[in-house]
Amino acid sequence: MYARLICLGALLAIGGCQKSQPLHATHARANEPPDISWFDGSVEGAFIVAKRENRPVLLYWGAEWCPFCHTLKSKVFSRPDFIAKTKLFLPVYLDGDDEGAQKWGEQFGIQGYPTLIVLDADGHELIRLGAGRDVSQYAAALDLALDDLQPVDTLLQAAASGKVLNADQCRRLAYNDWELDSLDPALYGQRADQLQAAAAQCPADAQLERAQLIIYATYYAANAQREALNAPKPVPSAQLIALTDQLAGILAHPHLAVSSAEALQTLDASFFKEVRARGAAFTRTLRERYVAMMDAAANDPRYVEADQLGFLDAKLHALAMLDNPKGKLPAAAVAEANRRIDAALAAEQNEYVRSGLVNASLNVLEDLGEYPKAYEIAKAEIARSSTPYYFQVDLAEIAEKMGHKDEAIGLLDDAYRGSQGAATRFQWGQLYLSGLLRMAPNDATRIEDTGEQVLAELDGPDRIYRRARVRLEKLDRELRAWNEAAKGQHEDVLQALRERMQEICEKIPEKEPARDSCDAFLKTA
């Protein structure tokens, strides 16, 4: 899908002289999950209090429009065991549109919503969690972080160097959502080595933990060889072959595999290309085991229903990759996916729980190519959603795939106009501008006007960080390609957008990392 806080008053608050300015005054306070005692102050203030009270910080990074954030809040943050455990931490709710939030996201290496990070009082990361896992594991993960305050990277490096892990240390590494790391692709091979070595240092009876570490190691090893696996005749490395053999063994144990479904779901095209390169017999065996496992996970009550639909989507992706990348999916699998979607949406009317179900359903239906049905679901959700701009973008993508370009552009325009919050408005504006470049490349005037409006969303403090920078770089590539396709006829538009960006850059101190990203936009050699 398109759409997959520094406060000096905090110091006064510590001394009891006055209340600090809330970190989340503009957005998050109204959207905070109830029953959890979220810290009423800045992130800096939270770490000061955490150090004074000798408590770890539980940082939740979310967004008002994020469907899986709503799922996490509704299905995990409402659990008595999770609520009770948060009392031992200093919980901080950070909405991506809060002032300074994107800068903190950069500092903590956060890529997407939702992300939960436990940090010690000095800011060292202890564990990182996302959506999609067994709901009982969230409270258990907090327990593990409390028992061992060693930073997770330090623990991983020690295990990779030969340190034998105890059961809890192994479990903390296994529970960590490694795919959420903002890791340079050049380091994927090293991460695969570390995770593989850590699995070997786990106790022999820690089968689930060893399995999950092997799965993550396989994910990184496959992606480290992405280019090689895209070759006409890919030759997987010996390490990747060995890891995949271990993974096939994990899939042969149903309970172990289903309990690892969240990790197995991360396996992507690079992994399945490696499987195909192993020959028909190996592919058939792994396919049967993987499909059976995802079917079981899609019916396992340990996972929320939106995640169960995600497991069905992972199964369909595997079938598409392993059976015949250009062929049709099995009719029975398609029918089952449609039945589950219909039943889930008919039964769930709570807006916040439903948003995650709709998002998962649209992912499945688009992968199936069932655009008319996806269109009707997305259109209906716009009318009931408190953040309709999110589903307007989904509907625009579907309309574009159905060939309705004018409608798609209009929806992207409406979504951008209706979006709220600086970070969100730039994200939705980038989607709109990208859509214009694809679907209305001859409308240079509209592209220039929209480009200037979208860039203006970055005109403010602490706005050009990780999420914005990725989107800014994407716009840079797309605008250059658009001009090149027109044989340089749009140089004047690029120059105008470059000048608008420079007006923004001049307000950013030269030593700020954001300045480099800003200056690079549409820069000529």
Protein backbone atom coordinates (compact mmCIF):
# COMPACT_ATOMS: atom_id res chain seq x y z
CA MET A 1 0.00 0.00 0.00
CA TYR A 2 1.11 3.64 -0.46
CA ALA A 3 0.73 4.41 3.03
CA ARG A 4 2.57 1.00 4.49
CA LEU A 5 10.00 17.71 21.91
CA ILE A 6 12.52 19.24 23.60
CA CYS A 7 11.11 21.18 26.50
CA LEU A 8 13.11 23.16 28.98
CA GLY A 9 10.10 23.24 31.28
CA ALA A 10 10.74 19.59 32.10
CA LEU A 11 13.63 20.55 34.32
CA LEU A 12 11.34 22.81 36.31
CA ALA A 13 8.82 20.02 36.54
CA ILE A 14 11.45 17.78 38.14
CA GLY A 15 11.96 20.33 40.85
CA GLY A 16 8.24 20.70 41.41
CA CYS A 17 8.16 24.37 40.48
CA GLN A 18 5.78 24.07 37.52
CA LYS A 19 4.32 21.51 35.19
CA SER A 20 6.27 20.80 32.01
CA GLN A 21 4.80 21.48 28.61
CA PRO A 22 3.27 18.16 27.47
CA LEU A 23 5.20 16.33 24.83
CA HIS A 24 2.00 15.47 23.05
CA ALA A 25 -0.11 18.57 23.50
CA THR A 26 -1.20 18.76 19.88
CA HIS A 27 -2.04 15.17 18.97
CA ALA A 28 -1.29 12.30 21.23
CA ARG A 29 -3.02 13.25 24.47
CA ALA A 30 -6.46 12.67 22.98
CA ASN A 31 -5.29 9.40 21.41
CA GLU A 32 -3.32 7.90 24.27
CA PRO A 33 -4.32 4.37 25.24
CA PRO A 34 -6.20 4.60 28.55
CA ASP A 35 -5.14 2.98 31.82
CA ILE A 36 -1.42 3.49 31.21
CA SER A 37 0.25 6.33 33.14
CA TRP A 38 1.95 8.06 30.23
CA PHE A 39 4.61 10.58 31.19
CA ASP A 40 3.27 14.13 30.94
CA GLY A 41 6.37 15.91 29.69
CA SER A 42 9.15 15.97 27.14
CA VAL A 43 11.34 13.06 26.07
CA GLU A 44 14.33 14.75 27.67
CA GLY A 45 12.35 15.15 30.87
CA ALA A 46 11.37 11.50 30.78
CA PHE A 47 15.01 10.39 30.80
CA ILE A 48 15.79 12.75 33.66
CA VAL A 49 12.95 11.29 35.72
CA ALA A 50 13.91 7.74 34.69
CA LYS A 51 17.46 8.24 35.93
CA ARG A 52 16.27 9.77 39.19
CA GLU A 53 13.79 6.95 39.80
CA ASN A 54 16.02 4.20 38.38
CA ARG A 55 13.37 3.09 35.90
CA PRO A 56 13.69 2.12 32.22
CA VAL A 57 11.79 4.16 29.64
CA LEU A 58 9.06 2.52 27.55
CA LEU A 59 8.83 4.63 24.39
CA TYR A 60 5.83 4.11 22.14
CA TRP A 61 6.10 5.66 18.65
CA GLY A 62 2.79 5.82 16.81
CA ALA A 63 0.59 7.97 14.60
CA GLU A 64 -3.02 9.05 14.80
CA TRP A 65 -3.82 7.55 11.37
CA CYS A 66 -1.86 4.29 11.71
CA PRO A 67 -4.20 1.23 11.59
CA PHE A 68 -1.81 -1.19 13.27
CA CYS A 69 -1.17 1.39 16.00
CA HIS A 70 -4.89 1.22 16.73
CA THR A 71 -4.70 -2.57 16.74
CA LEU A 72 -1.80 -2.54 19.18
CA LYS A 73 -3.54 -0.07 21.46
CA SER A 74 -6.84 -1.96 21.36
CA LYS A 75 -5.51 -5.49 21.69
CA VAL A 76 -2.25 -5.18 23.66
CA PHE A 77 -2.24 -1.92 25.60
CA SER A 78 -5.64 -2.84 27.06
CA ARG A 79 -4.41 -6.17 28.49
CA PRO A 80 -4.21 -6.20 32.32
CA ASP A 81 -0.83 -7.97 32.28
CA PHE A 82 0.65 -5.33 29.97
CA ILE A 83 -0.85 -2.41 31.92
CA ALA A 84 0.50 -3.82 35.20
CA LYS A 85 3.96 -4.25 33.74
CA THR A 86 4.12 -0.66 32.45
CA LYS A 87 3.97 0.60 36.04
CA LEU A 88 7.58 -0.52 36.43
CA PHE A 89 8.64 1.70 33.50
CA LEU A 90 8.33 5.34 32.58
CA PRO A 91 5.93 5.12 29.60
CA VAL A 92 6.31 7.84 26.96
CA TYR A 93 3.80 8.28 24.12
CA LEU A 94 5.39 9.91 21.07
CA ASP A 95 3.15 10.75 18.12
CA GLY A 96 5.08 11.19 14.88
CA ASP A 97 3.48 14.60 14.35
CA ASP A 98 4.42 16.02 17.74
CA GLU A 99 6.94 18.83 17.80
CA GLY A 100 10.44 17.38 17.58
CA ALA A 101 9.14 13.81 17.22
CA GLN A 102 10.90 13.14 13.92
CA LYS A 103 14.21 14.17 15.42
CA TRP A 104 13.73 11.69 18.25
CA GLY A 105 12.75 9.08 15.69
CA GLU A 106 16.09 9.68 13.97
CA GLN A 107 18.00 9.42 17.24
CA PHE A 108 16.35 6.13 18.17
CA GLY A 109 16.58 4.71 14.63
CA ILE A 110 12.82 4.29 14.28
CA GLN A 111 11.59 3.46 10.79
CA GLY A 112 7.85 2.99 11.04
CA TYR A 113 4.71 2.95 13.13
CA PRO A 114 4.05 1.33 15.51
CA THR A 115 7.33 0.74 17.34
CA LEU A 116 7.85 0.05 21.05
CA ILE A 117 11.35 0.55 22.43
CA VAL A 118 12.57 -0.09 25.97
CA LEU A 119 15.60 2.01 26.88
CA ASP A 120 17.62 2.35 30.05
CA ALA A 121 17.84 5.74 31.73
CA ASP A 122 20.93 6.60 29.66
CA GLY A 123 19.10 5.96 26.39
CA HIS A 124 20.62 2.55 25.57
CA GLU A 125 18.16 0.28 23.77
CA LEU A 126 17.15 -2.90 25.61
CA ILE A 127 14.52 -4.32 23.25
CA ARG A 128 12.43 -3.22 20.25
CA LEU A 129 8.98 -4.53 19.40
CA GLY A 130 6.53 -3.96 16.57
CA ALA A 131 3.10 -5.28 15.70
CA GLY A 132 2.19 -8.80 14.64
CA ARG A 133 3.34 -11.06 17.46
CA ASP A 134 1.62 -13.25 20.03
CA VAL A 135 -0.18 -10.68 22.22
CA SER A 136 1.00 -12.34 25.44
CA GLN A 137 4.64 -11.77 24.49
CA TYR A 138 4.56 -7.99 24.95
CA ALA A 139 4.30 -8.13 28.73
CA ALA A 140 6.81 -10.99 28.80
CA ALA A 141 9.25 -8.90 26.75
CA LEU A 142 9.01 -6.09 29.29
CA ASP A 143 9.85 -8.60 32.03
CA LEU A 144 12.96 -9.66 30.13
CA ALA A 145 14.09 -6.05 29.74
CA LEU A 146 13.68 -5.45 33.47
CA ASP A 147 15.71 -8.52 34.36
CA ASP A 148 18.67 -7.64 32.13
CA LEU A 149 19.52 -4.00 31.44
CA GLN A 150 22.35 -4.88 29.07
CA PRO A 151 21.81 -3.07 25.73
CA VAL A 152 20.49 -5.45 23.09
CA ASP A 153 23.31 -4.67 20.64
CA THR A 154 25.90 -5.38 23.33
CA LEU A 155 24.20 -8.67 24.13
CA LEU A 156 24.11 -9.63 20.44
CA GLN A 157 27.77 -8.78 19.92
CA ALA A 158 28.77 -10.76 23.01
CA ALA A 159 26.85 -13.80 21.79
CA ALA A 160 28.40 -13.45 18.32
CA SER A 161 31.83 -13.42 19.99
CA GLY A 162 31.17 -16.75 21.68
CA LYS A 163 29.50 -15.80 24.97
CA VAL A 164 27.10 -18.52 26.08
CA LEU A 165 23.60 -17.13 26.64
CA ASN A 166 21.24 -18.07 29.43
CA ALA A 167 17.58 -18.74 28.63
CA ASP A 168 16.38 -15.19 29.36
CA GLN A 169 19.16 -13.54 27.35
CA CYS A 170 18.37 -15.82 24.42
CA ARG A 171 14.68 -15.02 24.75
CA ARG A 172 15.32 -11.27 24.76
CA LEU A 173 17.29 -11.52 21.53
CA ALA A 174 14.58 -13.69 19.99
CA TYR A 175 11.74 -11.37 21.04
CA ASN A 176 13.50 -8.34 19.58
CA ASP A 177 11.99 -7.36 16.21
CA TRP A 178 15.24 -7.26 14.23
CA GLU A 179 13.56 -6.37 10.97
CA LEU A 180 12.66 -2.97 12.48
CA ASP A 181 16.34 -1.99 12.72
CA SER A 182 17.37 0.93 10.53
CA LEU A 183 20.37 -1.03 9.30
CA ASP A 184 22.54 -0.06 6.33
CA PRO A 185 22.06 -2.78 3.68
CA ALA A 186 25.85 -3.09 3.51
CA LEU A 187 25.68 -4.55 7.03
CA TYR A 188 23.03 -7.19 6.33
CA GLY A 189 25.60 -9.93 5.97
CA GLN A 190 27.21 -9.02 9.29
CA ARG A 191 23.82 -9.02 11.02
CA ALA A 192 23.09 -12.46 9.57
CA ASP A 193 26.41 -13.72 11.00
CA GLN A 194 25.62 -12.24 14.43
CA LEU A 195 22.13 -13.71 14.64
CA GLN A 196 23.29 -17.11 13.42
CA ALA A 197 26.06 -17.13 16.02
CA ALA A 198 23.67 -16.01 18.77
CA ALA A 199 21.32 -18.90 17.97
CA ALA A 200 24.23 -21.28 18.48
CA GLN A 201 24.90 -19.80 21.94
CA CYS A 202 21.34 -20.40 23.20
CA PRO A 203 20.65 -23.30 25.57
CA ALA A 204 19.84 -26.55 23.80
CA ASP A 205 16.28 -26.59 25.17
CA ALA A 206 15.55 -23.01 23.97
CA GLN A 207 14.15 -24.34 20.72
CA LEU A 208 11.72 -21.48 20.01
CA GLU A 209 14.32 -18.80 20.66
CA ARG A 210 16.92 -20.54 18.52
CA ALA A 211 14.36 -20.92 15.75
CA GLN A 212 13.42 -17.24 15.71
CA LEU A 213 17.06 -16.14 15.60
CA ILE A 214 17.71 -18.52 12.71
CA ILE A 215 14.71 -17.08 10.83
CA TYR A 216 15.96 -13.51 11.26
CA ALA A 217 19.47 -14.59 10.25
CA THR A 218 18.01 -16.14 7.09
CA TYR A 219 16.11 -12.95 6.32
CA TYR A 220 19.29 -10.85 6.52
CA ALA A 221 21.43 -13.39 4.68
CA ALA A 222 18.96 -13.52 1.78
CA ASN A 223 18.72 -9.73 1.55
CA ALA A 224 22.50 -9.41 1.72
CA GLN A 225 22.52 -11.39 -1.56
CA ARG A 226 19.55 -9.62 -3.15
CA GLU A 227 21.39 -8.62 -6.32
CA ALA A 228 22.93 -12.07 -6.79
CA LEU A 229 19.57 -13.74 -6.27
CA ASN A 230 18.06 -11.55 -8.98
CA ALA A 231 20.45 -13.03 -11.55
CA PRO A 232 19.02 -15.37 -14.23
CA LYS A 233 20.79 -18.30 -12.58
CA PRO A 234 21.25 -17.36 -8.90
CA VAL A 235 23.83 -19.21 -6.85
CA PRO A 236 23.08 -18.88 -3.11
CA SER A 237 25.96 -18.72 -0.67
CA ALA A 238 26.86 -21.71 1.48
CA GLN A 239 25.70 -19.78 4.55
CA LEU A 240 22.30 -19.02 3.07
CA ILE A 241 21.85 -22.65 1.98
CA ALA A 242 22.69 -23.86 5.49
CA LEU A 243 20.33 -21.35 7.11
CA THR A 244 17.50 -22.25 4.75
CA ASP A 245 18.02 -25.94 5.54
CA GLN A 246 17.65 -25.10 9.23
CA LEU A 247 14.57 -23.05 8.49
CA ALA A 248 13.04 -25.95 6.58
CA GLY A 249 13.61 -28.04 9.69
CA ILE A 250 11.80 -25.44 11.81
CA LEU A 251 8.83 -25.57 9.44
CA ALA A 252 8.72 -29.35 9.90
CA HIS A 253 7.70 -28.79 13.56
CA PRO A 254 4.22 -27.17 13.42
CA HIS A 255 4.07 -25.81 16.98
CA LEU A 256 7.54 -24.31 16.70
CA ALA A 257 6.78 -22.82 13.31
CA VAL A 258 3.39 -21.31 14.22
CA SER A 259 4.88 -19.78 17.36
CA SER A 260 7.45 -18.14 15.06
CA ALA A 261 4.91 -16.93 12.48
CA GLU A 262 5.67 -13.23 13.03
CA ALA A 263 9.35 -13.80 12.23
CA LEU A 264 8.59 -16.13 9.31
CA GLN A 265 6.29 -13.50 7.84
CA THR A 266 9.28 -11.19 7.31
CA LEU A 267 10.79 -13.54 4.70
CA ASP A 268 10.50 -11.77 1.36
CA ALA A 269 11.19 -12.18 -2.35
CA SER A 270 14.94 -12.65 -1.91
CA PHE A 271 14.39 -15.67 0.31
CA PHE A 272 11.85 -17.29 -2.02
CA LYS A 273 14.14 -16.77 -5.01
CA GLU A 274 16.83 -18.64 -3.14
CA VAL A 275 14.38 -21.45 -2.40
CA ARG A 276 13.49 -21.75 -6.11
CA ALA A 277 17.18 -21.90 -6.96
CA ARG A 278 17.45 -25.04 -4.81
CA GLY A 279 15.38 -27.08 -7.25
CA ALA A 280 11.84 -28.40 -7.61
CA ALA A 281 11.92 -31.02 -4.85
CA PHE A 282 13.23 -28.65 -2.17
CA THR A 283 10.84 -25.92 -3.29
CA ARG A 284 7.84 -28.24 -3.10
CA THR A 285 8.71 -29.42 0.41
CA LEU A 286 9.31 -25.95 1.79
CA ARG A 287 6.20 -24.61 0.08
CA GLU A 288 3.97 -27.26 1.65
CA ARG A 289 5.40 -26.66 5.11
CA TYR A 290 5.28 -22.85 4.87
CA VAL A 291 1.68 -22.81 3.59
CA ALA A 292 0.50 -25.23 6.28
CA MET A 293 2.21 -23.14 8.94
CA MET A 294 0.65 -19.84 7.78
CA ASP A 295 -2.77 -21.48 7.56
CA ALA A 296 -2.40 -22.62 11.17
CA ALA A 297 -1.16 -19.19 12.31
CA ALA A 298 -4.12 -17.54 10.56
CA ASN A 299 -6.39 -19.51 12.92
CA ASP A 300 -4.33 -19.22 16.09
CA PRO A 301 -6.03 -17.13 18.84
CA ARG A 302 -2.66 -15.97 20.16
CA TYR A 303 -2.61 -13.50 17.24
CA VAL A 304 -5.12 -10.70 16.69
CA GLU A 305 -7.37 -11.04 13.66
CA ALA A 306 -5.64 -8.34 11.61
CA ASP A 307 -2.37 -10.26 12.03
CA GLN A 308 -4.12 -13.50 11.10
CA LEU A 309 -5.13 -11.88 7.81
CA GLY A 310 -1.50 -10.84 7.42
CA PHE A 311 -0.46 -14.48 7.71
CA LEU A 312 -2.93 -15.37 4.95
CA ASP A 313 -1.35 -12.67 2.81
CA ALA A 314 2.12 -14.09 3.55
CA LYS A 315 0.87 -17.50 2.41
CA LEU A 316 -0.48 -16.05 -0.83
CA HIS A 317 2.83 -14.28 -1.44
CA ALA A 318 4.72 -17.55 -0.94
CA LEU A 319 2.39 -19.37 -3.31
CA ALA A 320 2.87 -16.68 -5.94
CA MET A 321 6.65 -16.80 -5.59
CA LEU A 322 7.09 -20.59 -5.38
CA ASP A 323 4.37 -22.04 -7.61
CA ASN A 324 4.52 -19.83 -10.65
CA PRO A 325 5.37 -16.15 -10.32
CA LYS A 326 3.33 -15.37 -13.44
CA GLY A 327 0.50 -17.84 -12.86
CA LYS A 328 -2.80 -17.79 -10.99
CA LEU A 329 -3.10 -18.58 -7.32
CA PRO A 330 -4.97 -21.73 -6.27
CA ALA A 331 -8.73 -21.10 -6.31
CA ALA A 332 -9.18 -22.63 -2.85
CA ALA A 333 -6.63 -20.24 -1.31
CA VAL A 334 -8.30 -17.24 -2.96
CA ALA A 335 -11.75 -18.34 -1.78
CA GLU A 336 -10.52 -18.85 1.79
CA ALA A 337 -8.94 -15.40 1.88
CA ASN A 338 -12.17 -13.80 0.67
CA ARG A 339 -14.23 -15.72 3.20
CA ARG A 340 -12.01 -14.63 6.07
CA ILE A 341 -12.09 -11.00 4.96
CA ASP A 342 -15.88 -10.97 4.65
CA ALA A 343 -16.36 -12.58 8.06
CA ALA A 344 -13.88 -10.28 9.81
CA LEU A 345 -15.33 -7.06 8.42
CA ALA A 346 -18.91 -8.14 9.05
CA ALA A 347 -18.17 -8.95 12.71
CA GLU A 348 -16.03 -5.97 13.73
CA GLN A 349 -17.57 -2.50 13.97
CA ASN A 350 -15.21 -0.80 16.44
CA GLU A 351 -13.47 1.87 14.32
CA TYR A 352 -10.03 1.40 15.85
CA VAL A 353 -9.97 -2.39 15.70
CA ARG A 354 -11.63 -2.33 12.29
CA SER A 355 -9.03 -0.01 10.74
CA GLY A 356 -6.35 -2.67 11.14
CA LEU A 357 -8.65 -5.31 9.66
CA VAL A 358 -9.46 -3.09 6.68
CA ASN A 359 -5.79 -2.34 6.10
CA ALA A 360 -4.91 -6.05 6.19
CA SER A 361 -7.87 -6.90 3.96
CA LEU A 362 -6.86 -4.36 1.34
CA ASN A 363 -3.33 -5.76 1.30
CA VAL A 364 -4.70 -9.25 0.62
CA LEU A 365 -7.18 -8.17 -2.03
CA GLU A 366 -4.65 -6.07 -3.92
CA ASP A 367 -2.22 -8.97 -3.92
CA LEU A 368 -5.03 -11.09 -5.35
CA GLY A 369 -5.77 -8.47 -7.97
CA GLU A 370 -9.36 -8.16 -6.74
CA TYR A 371 -9.45 -4.41 -7.17
CA PRO A 372 -13.24 -3.86 -7.42
CA LYS A 373 -13.82 -5.50 -4.04
CA ALA A 374 -10.89 -3.64 -2.47
CA TYR A 375 -12.28 -0.41 -3.96
CA GLU A 376 -15.67 -0.86 -2.30
CA ILE A 377 -14.14 -1.71 1.09
CA ALA A 378 -11.80 1.29 1.04
CA LYS A 379 -14.56 3.64 -0.13
CA ALA A 380 -16.88 2.51 2.67
CA GLU A 381 -14.15 2.94 5.27
CA ILE A 382 -13.49 6.54 4.25
CA ALA A 383 -17.02 7.42 5.31
CA ARG A 384 -16.63 5.94 8.79
CA SER A 385 -12.99 6.74 9.59
CA SER A 386 -11.86 9.60 11.84
CA THR A 387 -8.76 9.88 9.60
CA PRO A 388 -10.30 9.44 6.14
CA TYR A 389 -7.16 10.71 4.40
CA TYR A 390 -5.43 7.41 5.22
CA PHE A 391 -7.96 5.32 3.29
CA GLN A 392 -8.24 7.93 0.53
CA VAL A 393 -4.64 7.12 -0.35
CA ASP A 394 -5.47 3.40 -0.40
CA LEU A 395 -8.48 4.08 -2.61
CA ALA A 396 -6.29 6.17 -4.93
CA GLU A 397 -3.86 3.29 -5.36
CA ILE A 398 -6.70 0.92 -6.20
CA ALA A 399 -8.27 3.40 -8.63
CA GLU A 400 -4.91 3.82 -10.38
CA LYS A 401 -4.54 0.06 -10.77
CA MET A 402 -8.05 -0.05 -12.24
CA GLY A 403 -7.02 2.57 -14.80
CA HIS A 404 -9.01 5.46 -13.26
CA LYS A 405 -6.18 7.98 -13.25
CA ASP A 406 -8.24 11.16 -12.89
CA GLU A 407 -10.06 9.71 -9.90
CA ALA A 408 -6.79 8.54 -8.36
CA ILE A 409 -5.23 12.00 -8.69
CA GLY A 410 -8.32 13.62 -7.17
CA LEU A 411 -8.20 11.24 -4.21
CA LEU A 412 -4.50 11.90 -3.61
CA ASP A 413 -5.22 15.63 -3.75
CA ASP A 414 -8.09 15.31 -1.25
CA ALA A 415 -5.99 13.10 1.04
CA TYR A 416 -3.16 15.62 1.07
CA ARG A 417 -5.50 18.55 1.75
CA GLY A 418 -7.20 16.67 4.57
CA SER A 419 -4.08 15.31 6.27
CA GLN A 420 -3.02 16.77 9.59
CA GLY A 421 0.35 17.23 11.27
CA ALA A 422 3.62 18.40 9.73
CA ALA A 423 5.21 14.96 9.23
CA THR A 424 1.99 13.44 7.94
CA ARG A 425 1.30 16.30 5.55
CA PHE A 426 4.72 15.95 3.92
CA GLN A 427 4.26 12.17 3.63
CA TRP A 428 0.83 12.54 2.03
CA GLY A 429 2.06 15.42 -0.12
CA GLN A 430 4.91 13.29 -1.44
CA LEU A 431 2.40 10.59 -2.37
CA TYR A 432 0.31 13.18 -4.24
CA LEU A 433 3.28 14.66 -6.10
CA SER A 434 4.58 11.20 -7.01
CA GLY A 435 1.13 10.37 -8.33
CA LEU A 436 1.12 13.45 -10.53
CA LEU A 437 4.53 12.55 -11.96
CA ARG A 438 3.23 9.07 -12.85
CA MET A 439 -0.29 9.85 -14.00
CA ALA A 440 -0.17 13.46 -15.25
CA PRO A 441 3.43 13.95 -16.44
CA ASN A 442 2.44 16.58 -19.00
CA ASP A 443 0.86 18.91 -16.43
CA ALA A 444 4.10 20.70 -15.55
CA THR A 445 2.31 23.70 -14.01
CA ARG A 446 0.39 21.54 -11.57
CA ILE A 447 3.49 19.55 -10.73
CA GLU A 448 5.46 22.72 -10.01
CA ASP A 449 2.70 24.28 -7.88
CA THR A 450 2.13 21.07 -5.94
CA GLY A 451 5.87 20.55 -5.50
CA GLU A 452 6.28 23.99 -3.93
CA GLN A 453 3.35 23.36 -1.58
CA VAL A 454 4.67 19.96 -0.53
CA LEU A 455 8.20 21.22 0.06
CA ALA A 456 6.74 23.99 2.22
CA GLU A 457 5.64 21.28 4.68
CA LEU A 458 9.35 20.92 5.53
CA ASP A 459 9.68 24.62 6.38
CA GLY A 460 9.99 24.41 10.14
CA PRO A 461 12.25 23.10 12.90
CA ASP A 462 13.18 19.43 13.14
CA ARG A 463 11.30 18.26 10.05
CA ILE A 464 13.92 16.72 7.75
CA TYR A 465 14.79 13.50 9.49
CA ARG A 466 14.68 9.80 8.64
CA ARG A 467 11.11 9.37 7.36
CA ALA A 468 11.05 12.74 5.58
CA ARG A 469 14.56 12.26 4.18
CA VAL A 470 13.66 8.95 2.52
CA ARG A 471 10.65 10.58 0.87
CA LEU A 472 12.62 13.65 -0.16
CA GLU A 473 15.24 11.45 -1.83
CA LYS A 474 12.46 9.56 -3.63
CA LEU A 475 11.03 12.82 -4.96
CA ASP A 476 14.50 13.84 -6.11
CA ARG A 477 14.85 10.64 -8.15
CA GLU A 478 11.34 10.86 -9.58
CA LEU A 479 11.63 14.51 -10.59
CA ARG A 480 14.97 13.90 -12.30
CA ALA A 481 13.55 10.88 -14.14
CA TRP A 482 10.49 12.92 -15.19
CA ASN A 483 12.69 15.64 -16.64
CA GLU A 484 14.98 13.13 -18.33
CA ALA A 485 11.99 11.39 -19.95
CA ALA A 486 10.96 14.79 -21.34
CA LYS A 487 14.50 15.32 -22.69
CA GLY A 488 15.21 18.18 -20.29
CA GLN A 489 12.09 20.23 -21.05
CA HIS A 490 11.29 20.66 -17.34
CA GLU A 491 14.59 22.19 -16.22
CA ASP A 492 12.73 25.35 -15.21
CA VAL A 493 10.44 23.38 -12.89
CA LEU A 494 13.36 21.60 -11.25
CA GLN A 495 15.15 24.91 -10.81
CA ALA A 496 12.08 26.49 -9.18
CA LEU A 497 11.72 23.56 -6.77
CA ARG A 498 15.44 23.63 -6.04
CA GLU A 499 15.20 27.33 -5.17
CA ARG A 500 12.21 26.73 -2.89
CA MET A 501 14.11 24.01 -1.09
CA GLN A 502 17.11 26.27 -0.65
CA GLU A 503 14.92 28.81 1.11
CA ILE A 504 14.15 26.08 3.62
CA CYS A 505 17.77 24.89 3.84
CA GLU A 506 19.06 28.34 4.75
CA LYS A 507 17.09 28.18 8.01
CA ILE A 508 18.78 24.94 9.10
CA PRO A 509 22.13 25.24 10.93
CA GLU A 510 25.00 23.98 8.76
CA LYS A 511 26.10 21.38 11.31
CA GLU A 512 22.66 19.74 11.43
CA PRO A 513 22.51 16.40 9.54
CA ALA A 514 19.23 17.56 7.99
CA ARG A 515 21.13 20.31 6.16
CA ASP A 516 23.00 17.80 3.96
CA SER A 517 19.77 16.12 2.86
CA CYS A 518 18.20 19.49 2.20
CA ASP A 519 21.14 20.81 0.16
CA ALA A 520 21.30 17.64 -1.95
CA PHE A 521 17.75 18.04 -3.29
CA LEU A 522 17.87 18.47 -7.10
CA LYS A 523 21.47 19.62 -6.86
CA THR A 524 23.29 19.70 -10.17
CA ALA A 525 26.81 18.31 -10.57
